[in-house]
Amino acid sequence: MKIAIQGIAGSYHDEVAKNYFGNECTIIDCMTFDDVVLSVKDGVSDFGVMAIENSIAGSLIPNYSLIDENNLKIIGEYYININHQLMVSPGTNIDEIKTISSHPMALLQCKDFLKNSNKLILEDKDTAEVARKISKNKLTEVAAIASEKAAEIYGLDIVEKNIQTIKNNETRFVIVSSEDSLNSTIEKNKASLKLILNHSNGSLAKVLNIFSDNNINLTKIQSIPVIETPWKYSFFIDLTFTNINDYTNAVKNVKLCSELFKEFGLYKSEKL
């Protein structure tokens, strides 16, 4: 089984892919989320793993659009604790460090630590990729923010542990596919939807009431601009339910009051 991830060995996406699919899966490294999506869409990979939101930094809005524009299906989700480590070449003193580099989301999650630092902060494509560069090029003036696994793989020293702003730092990842379902026998109790509503008064409230009346719990609602129409928004919604008939009935009624309705997938809800 081939799994496309954003990043390389030692990245958080790598960890999620192996936890979800097992260590026997083949990992396809991609440096951008666009490449992950193309790998799945073109059939190079069977599935893709994409971070979608973080408990500190919030939603990765471009990833919602990527999934939507490429008509991918969400067939699962996975949550992990994200513990960021500051790592350097073996034997390097932290005072020698002039630059700290990592993925933009990792830097954002470590904002409080970094604002008290006098180092130059640089964004890079992947947490683990920075660790690999330091190891490969024996860089002594650059530190990476990455996982403990990345430090282990690339032989780096951790000089500051768990530097994320909030210690309970969780990221939600979605599993994407060009097909509807990974396993049709799994009981599904969560759905991801996209809605576009008209501008009439109470249109969103009406939809929310439909979900409420059918015993459906909204776990997330994210508005994203409709690029072609200024000041018009689409709503990306995650919801959970205990009875599939309640969900089916709600969808039937929501469709009636929506300009556009799109179901990204039905899958099993996961929690850390």
Protein backbone atom coordinates (compact mmCIF):
# COMPACT_ATOMS: atom_id res chain seq x y z
CA MET A 1 0.00 0.00 0.00
CA LYS A 2 1.43 3.37 -1.04
CA ILE A 3 0.76 6.36 1.20
CA ALA A 4 1.59 9.95 0.19
CA ILE A 5 2.65 12.26 3.01
CA GLN A 6 3.79 15.88 3.27
CA GLY A 7 7.36 15.53 4.50
CA ILE A 8 9.93 12.82 4.93
CA ALA A 9 10.87 10.10 7.44
CA GLY A 10 10.65 11.52 10.94
CA SER A 11 7.90 14.00 10.09
CA TYR A 12 4.58 13.98 11.92
CA HIS A 13 2.83 12.90 8.72
CA ASP A 14 5.19 9.93 8.54
CA GLU A 15 4.24 8.98 12.10
CA VAL A 16 0.51 9.20 11.34
CA ALA A 17 0.79 7.16 8.13
CA LYS A 18 2.61 4.32 9.91
CA ASN A 19 0.26 4.38 12.90
CA TYR A 20 -2.82 4.34 10.69
CA PHE A 21 -1.74 1.93 7.94
CA GLY A 22 1.02 -0.05 9.68
CA ASN A 23 4.79 -0.09 9.25
CA GLU A 24 4.57 -2.31 6.17
CA CYS A 25 3.11 0.49 4.03
CA THR A 26 5.28 2.27 1.45
CA ILE A 27 5.67 5.98 2.16
CA ILE A 28 5.73 8.40 -0.77
CA ASP A 29 7.52 11.59 0.33
CA CYS A 30 6.05 14.87 -0.95
CA MET A 31 7.37 18.31 -0.06
CA THR A 32 4.01 20.08 -0.51
CA PHE A 33 0.36 19.28 0.08
CA ASP A 34 -0.27 19.96 -3.62
CA ASP A 35 2.10 17.07 -4.40
CA VAL A 36 0.28 14.82 -1.92
CA VAL A 37 -3.03 15.52 -3.63
CA LEU A 38 -1.60 14.96 -7.12
CA SER A 39 0.00 11.69 -6.03
CA VAL A 40 -3.38 10.38 -4.88
CA LYS A 41 -5.33 11.85 -7.78
CA ASP A 42 -2.94 10.42 -10.39
CA GLY A 43 -2.92 6.98 -8.79
CA VAL A 44 0.76 7.09 -7.77
CA SER A 45 -0.40 6.64 -4.16
CA ASP A 46 -3.37 4.71 -2.83
CA PHE A 47 -4.06 7.19 -0.02
CA GLY A 48 -2.80 10.51 1.28
CA VAL A 49 -2.30 11.89 4.79
CA MET A 50 -2.97 15.60 5.30
CA ALA A 51 -2.95 17.74 8.44
CA ILE A 52 -6.22 19.68 8.53
CA GLU A 53 -6.26 21.51 11.88
CA ASN A 54 -4.21 22.11 15.01
CA SER A 55 -5.42 22.91 18.51
CA ILE A 56 -3.03 25.91 18.76
CA ALA A 57 -2.64 27.20 15.20
CA GLY A 58 -6.17 26.45 13.93
CA SER A 59 -7.26 25.22 10.50
CA LEU A 60 -5.07 24.67 7.46
CA ILE A 61 -7.57 26.37 5.18
CA PRO A 62 -5.66 25.74 1.91
CA ASN A 63 -5.93 22.00 2.55
CA TYR A 64 -9.73 22.18 2.63
CA SER A 65 -9.62 23.84 -0.79
CA LEU A 66 -7.15 21.28 -2.16
CA ILE A 67 -9.38 18.37 -1.15
CA ASP A 68 -12.41 20.13 -2.60
CA GLU A 69 -10.90 21.26 -5.91
CA ASN A 70 -9.44 17.83 -6.63
CA ASN A 71 -12.61 15.92 -5.66
CA LEU A 72 -10.85 13.73 -3.12
CA LYS A 73 -12.75 11.71 -0.52
CA ILE A 74 -12.08 11.80 3.22
CA ILE A 75 -12.15 8.19 4.38
CA GLY A 76 -10.70 8.55 7.87
CA GLU A 77 -9.04 10.78 10.45
CA TYR A 78 -6.28 10.51 13.03
CA TYR A 79 -5.21 12.66 15.98
CA ILE A 80 -1.76 12.86 17.55
CA ASN A 81 -0.07 14.90 20.24
CA ILE A 82 2.53 17.20 18.70
CA ASN A 83 5.58 17.73 20.90
CA HIS A 84 8.16 19.98 19.28
CA GLN A 85 11.86 19.63 20.10
CA LEU A 86 14.68 22.07 19.38
CA MET A 87 17.58 20.07 17.94
CA VAL A 88 21.13 20.74 16.76
CA SER A 89 24.20 18.97 15.39
CA PRO A 90 25.83 16.70 17.98
CA GLY A 91 28.00 18.65 20.41
CA THR A 92 26.70 22.05 19.29
CA ASN A 93 26.13 24.61 22.04
CA ILE A 94 22.85 26.49 21.83
CA ASP A 95 24.78 29.78 22.01
CA GLU A 96 26.38 28.92 18.65
CA ILE A 97 22.98 28.79 16.96
CA LYS A 98 22.11 31.78 14.76
CA THR A 99 19.04 30.41 12.95
CA ILE A 100 16.00 28.33 13.94
CA SER A 101 14.14 26.77 11.03
CA SER A 102 11.02 24.63 10.61
CA HIS A 103 7.66 24.30 8.88
CA PRO A 104 5.50 27.46 9.29
CA MET A 105 2.87 25.60 11.34
CA ALA A 106 5.52 24.30 13.75
CA LEU A 107 6.93 27.79 14.15
CA LEU A 108 3.45 29.13 14.86
CA GLN A 109 2.87 26.46 17.50
CA CYS A 110 6.12 27.49 19.22
CA LYS A 111 5.47 31.23 19.02
CA ASP A 112 5.99 32.02 22.71
CA PHE A 113 9.33 30.21 22.83
CA LEU A 114 10.55 31.87 19.64
CA LYS A 115 9.59 35.42 20.59
CA ASN A 116 11.97 35.18 23.53
CA SER A 117 14.78 34.01 21.26
CA ASN A 118 17.36 36.25 19.60
CA LYS A 119 17.77 33.83 16.69
CA LEU A 120 16.77 34.38 13.06
CA ILE A 121 13.55 32.44 12.36
CA LEU A 122 13.25 30.86 8.90
CA GLU A 123 10.37 28.90 7.39
CA ASP A 124 11.04 25.64 5.56
CA LYS A 125 8.92 23.01 3.77
CA ASP A 126 9.08 20.31 6.43
CA THR A 127 10.14 19.82 10.05
CA ALA A 128 12.10 16.63 9.42
CA GLU A 129 13.68 17.99 6.24
CA VAL A 130 15.42 20.72 8.28
CA ALA A 131 16.72 18.06 10.66
CA ARG A 132 18.04 16.05 7.70
CA LYS A 133 19.79 19.11 6.23
CA ILE A 134 21.53 19.82 9.53
CA SER A 135 22.69 16.22 9.77
CA LYS A 136 23.75 15.86 6.11
CA ASN A 137 25.60 19.17 5.90
CA LYS A 138 26.88 19.15 9.49
CA LEU A 139 25.42 22.60 10.10
CA THR A 140 26.43 24.05 13.46
CA GLU A 141 24.68 27.42 13.30
CA VAL A 142 21.17 26.12 12.52
CA ALA A 143 18.64 24.48 14.84
CA ALA A 144 15.54 22.58 13.75
CA ILE A 145 12.15 22.32 15.38
CA ALA A 146 10.94 18.78 14.75
CA SER A 147 9.85 15.57 16.44
CA GLU A 148 11.83 13.41 18.83
CA LYS A 149 11.75 10.73 16.13
CA ALA A 150 13.44 13.10 13.67
CA ALA A 151 16.26 13.74 16.16
CA GLU A 152 16.68 9.98 16.55
CA ILE A 153 16.68 9.26 12.79
CA TYR A 154 19.11 12.05 11.87
CA GLY A 155 21.37 11.79 14.93
CA LEU A 156 20.76 15.26 16.36
CA ASP A 157 20.93 16.49 19.96
CA ILE A 158 17.77 17.86 21.57
CA VAL A 159 18.69 21.03 23.45
CA GLU A 160 15.17 22.20 24.40
CA LYS A 161 12.25 19.81 24.94
CA ASN A 162 8.54 20.33 24.28
CA ILE A 163 8.78 23.97 23.24
CA GLN A 164 5.21 24.27 21.87
CA THR A 165 3.24 27.11 23.46
CA ILE A 166 0.56 24.83 24.91
CA LYS A 167 1.74 21.45 26.14
CA ASN A 168 -1.46 19.68 25.14
CA ASN A 169 -0.94 20.33 21.42
CA GLU A 170 -3.02 18.11 19.13
CA THR A 171 -3.21 17.95 15.34
CA ARG A 172 -6.00 16.31 13.38
CA PHE A 173 -5.05 14.58 10.14
CA VAL A 174 -7.43 13.34 7.46
CA ILE A 175 -6.91 10.31 5.24
CA VAL A 176 -7.80 11.11 1.64
CA SER A 177 -8.49 8.87 -1.34
CA SER A 178 -9.86 9.03 -4.85
CA GLU A 179 -12.35 6.35 -3.79
CA ASP A 180 -15.27 6.53 -1.38
CA SER A 181 -14.19 4.17 1.38
CA LEU A 182 -11.20 2.27 2.73
CA ASN A 183 -13.35 -0.35 4.45
CA SER A 184 -17.08 -0.49 3.80
CA THR A 185 -17.63 -2.71 6.88
CA ILE A 186 -16.41 -0.07 9.35
CA GLU A 187 -19.26 1.61 11.23
CA LYS A 188 -19.34 5.23 10.13
CA ASN A 189 -20.45 7.97 12.50
CA LYS A 190 -18.82 11.12 11.10
CA ALA A 191 -19.21 13.13 7.90
CA SER A 192 -17.42 16.02 6.22
CA LEU A 193 -19.53 18.32 4.07
CA LYS A 194 -19.37 21.51 2.01
CA LEU A 195 -22.33 23.85 1.76
CA ILE A 196 -23.00 27.07 -0.13
CA LEU A 197 -26.09 28.90 1.11
CA ASN A 198 -27.98 31.84 -0.30
CA HIS A 199 -27.84 35.28 1.31
CA SER A 200 -31.36 35.18 2.73
CA ASN A 201 -31.85 35.95 6.40
CA GLY A 202 -31.37 32.97 8.66
CA SER A 203 -30.12 30.57 5.97
CA LEU A 204 -27.27 29.26 8.13
CA ALA A 205 -29.46 29.14 11.24
CA LYS A 206 -32.00 27.06 9.30
CA VAL A 207 -29.35 24.49 8.38
CA LEU A 208 -28.03 24.34 11.94
CA ASN A 209 -31.55 23.75 13.23
CA ILE A 210 -32.00 20.87 10.79
CA PHE A 211 -28.88 19.20 12.17
CA SER A 212 -30.00 19.85 15.75
CA ASP A 213 -33.49 18.46 15.12
CA ASN A 214 -31.93 15.25 13.80
CA ASN A 215 -29.64 14.70 16.82
CA ILE A 216 -26.50 15.58 14.88
CA ASN A 217 -23.51 17.22 16.57
CA LEU A 218 -21.40 19.72 14.64
CA THR A 219 -17.75 19.30 15.62
CA LYS A 220 -16.46 21.98 13.25
CA ILE A 221 -17.70 24.69 10.90
CA GLN A 222 -15.22 26.64 8.76
CA SER A 223 -16.14 29.41 6.33
CA ILE A 224 -14.00 29.83 3.20
CA PRO A 225 -14.48 32.50 0.52
CA VAL A 226 -15.94 31.46 -2.82
CA ILE A 227 -13.17 32.87 -5.02
CA GLU A 228 -15.35 33.42 -8.09
CA THR A 229 -17.92 35.49 -6.13
CA PRO A 230 -16.57 38.20 -3.78
CA TRP A 231 -18.13 38.18 -0.28
CA LYS A 232 -19.76 34.83 -0.78
CA TYR A 233 -18.70 31.94 1.45
CA SER A 234 -18.78 28.18 1.48
CA PHE A 235 -19.03 26.29 4.76
CA PHE A 236 -16.95 23.21 5.48
CA ILE A 237 -18.67 21.21 8.19
CA ASP A 238 -17.67 18.16 10.24
CA LEU A 239 -20.43 16.42 12.15
CA THR A 240 -21.02 13.25 14.12
CA PHE A 241 -24.14 11.14 14.52
CA THR A 242 -25.21 7.94 16.26
CA ASN A 243 -27.90 6.89 13.80
CA ILE A 244 -27.29 6.85 10.04
CA ASN A 245 -31.01 7.40 9.41
CA ASP A 246 -30.84 10.70 11.31
CA TYR A 247 -27.95 11.75 9.11
CA THR A 248 -29.72 10.71 5.90
CA ASN A 249 -32.85 12.64 6.86
CA ALA A 250 -30.84 15.74 7.78
CA VAL A 251 -28.95 15.66 4.48
CA LYS A 252 -32.19 15.40 2.52
CA ASN A 253 -33.51 18.58 4.16
CA VAL A 254 -30.21 20.48 4.08
CA LYS A 255 -29.96 19.91 0.33
CA LEU A 256 -33.31 21.62 -0.13
CA CYS A 257 -32.03 24.89 1.35
CA SER A 258 -28.50 24.82 -0.11
CA GLU A 259 -27.23 26.26 -3.38
CA LEU A 260 -24.51 23.59 -3.31
CA PHE A 261 -24.15 20.45 -1.22
CA LYS A 262 -21.07 18.21 -1.34
CA GLU A 263 -20.22 15.22 0.82
CA PHE A 264 -16.48 14.61 1.13
CA GLY A 265 -16.95 11.35 2.94
CA LEU A 266 -18.49 9.22 5.67
CA TYR A 267 -16.02 7.63 8.07
CA LYS A 268 -15.36 6.54 11.64
CA SER A 269 -14.73 9.29 14.15
CA GLU A 270 -11.43 9.06 16.01
CA LYS A 271 -10.27 10.82 19.16
CA LEU A 272 -6.87 10.93 20.81
